[in-house]
Amino acid sequence: MNLIKKITLLAGIFLISTSFNSKKDFFEGIIVYTHLYESHSPQLNAEKMAQLYGTESTFYYKNGN
């Protein structure tokens, strides 16, 4: 058997073996972000931005979504 046929055979065996084990591992859980605002302009108040946009975001993930 020449080298190209051996490589093709090994690649085929690898692809077939990995296709049967297709369990996907997804992150499941909660991610909480805390938002802090800092203003560099006197016309823009950081406290007002916190009131408008909030100070926390929560994301829930299950099955990759």
Protein backbone atom coordinates (compact mmCIF):
# COMPACT_ATOMS: atom_id res chain seq x y z
CA MET A 1 0.00 0.00 0.00
CA ASN A 2 1.49 3.33 -0.91
CA LEU A 3 1.70 6.30 1.44
CA ILE A 4 -1.27 8.25 -0.01
CA LYS A 5 -3.61 5.27 0.35
CA LYS A 6 -2.47 4.77 3.97
CA ILE A 7 -3.04 8.43 4.81
CA THR A 8 -6.47 8.37 3.15
CA LEU A 9 -7.43 5.22 5.02
CA LEU A 10 -6.31 6.64 8.37
CA ALA A 11 -8.13 9.93 7.72
CA GLY A 12 -11.31 8.02 6.81
CA ILE A 13 -11.12 5.90 9.97
CA PHE A 14 -10.56 9.03 12.05
CA LEU A 15 -13.54 10.84 10.50
CA ILE A 16 -15.84 7.88 10.93
CA SER A 17 -14.81 7.33 14.55
CA THR A 18 -15.31 10.99 15.47
CA SER A 19 -18.69 11.20 13.74
CA PHE A 20 -20.15 8.52 16.05
CA ASN A 21 -19.00 10.45 19.10
CA SER A 22 -20.79 13.68 18.14
CA LYS A 23 -21.85 14.71 21.64
CA LYS A 24 -21.42 18.44 21.83
CA ASP A 25 -20.38 20.02 25.09
CA PHE A 26 -22.04 23.38 25.60
CA PHE A 27 -21.67 25.80 28.45
CA GLU A 28 -24.69 25.76 30.73
CA GLY A 29 -25.02 28.34 33.43
CA ILE A 30 -25.50 31.98 34.25
CA ILE A 31 -23.17 34.86 33.39
CA VAL A 32 -23.66 38.12 35.25
CA TYR A 33 -22.00 41.31 34.01
CA THR A 34 -21.68 44.38 36.21
CA HIS A 35 -21.56 47.69 34.33
CA LEU A 36 -19.58 50.65 35.62
CA TYR A 37 -19.77 54.03 33.92
CA GLU A 38 -17.20 56.79 33.89
CA SER A 39 -17.87 60.15 32.31
CA HIS A 40 -15.15 62.28 30.75
CA SER A 41 -17.60 65.03 29.84
CA PRO A 42 -19.28 67.48 32.24
CA GLN A 43 -22.50 67.27 30.18
CA LEU A 44 -22.74 63.50 30.68
CA ASN A 45 -23.40 62.23 34.18
CA ALA A 46 -22.22 58.69 35.01
CA GLU A 47 -25.06 58.21 37.51
CA LYS A 48 -27.63 59.14 34.87
CA MET A 49 -26.07 56.62 32.47
CA ALA A 50 -26.36 53.92 35.13
CA GLN A 51 -30.04 54.77 35.57
CA LEU A 52 -30.68 54.70 31.82
CA TYR A 53 -28.70 51.58 30.90
CA GLY A 54 -28.66 49.65 34.16
CA THR A 55 -25.80 48.37 36.27
CA GLU A 56 -26.14 44.65 35.63
CA SER A 57 -26.89 42.21 32.81
CA THR A 58 -27.69 38.53 33.37
CA PHE A 59 -27.43 35.89 30.63
CA TYR A 60 -28.77 32.35 30.99
CA TYR A 61 -27.29 29.59 28.79
CA LYS A 62 -28.58 26.07 28.28
CA ASN A 63 -27.87 23.71 25.36
CA GLY A 64 -25.67 26.35 23.71
CA ASN A 65 -28.36 29.05 23.65
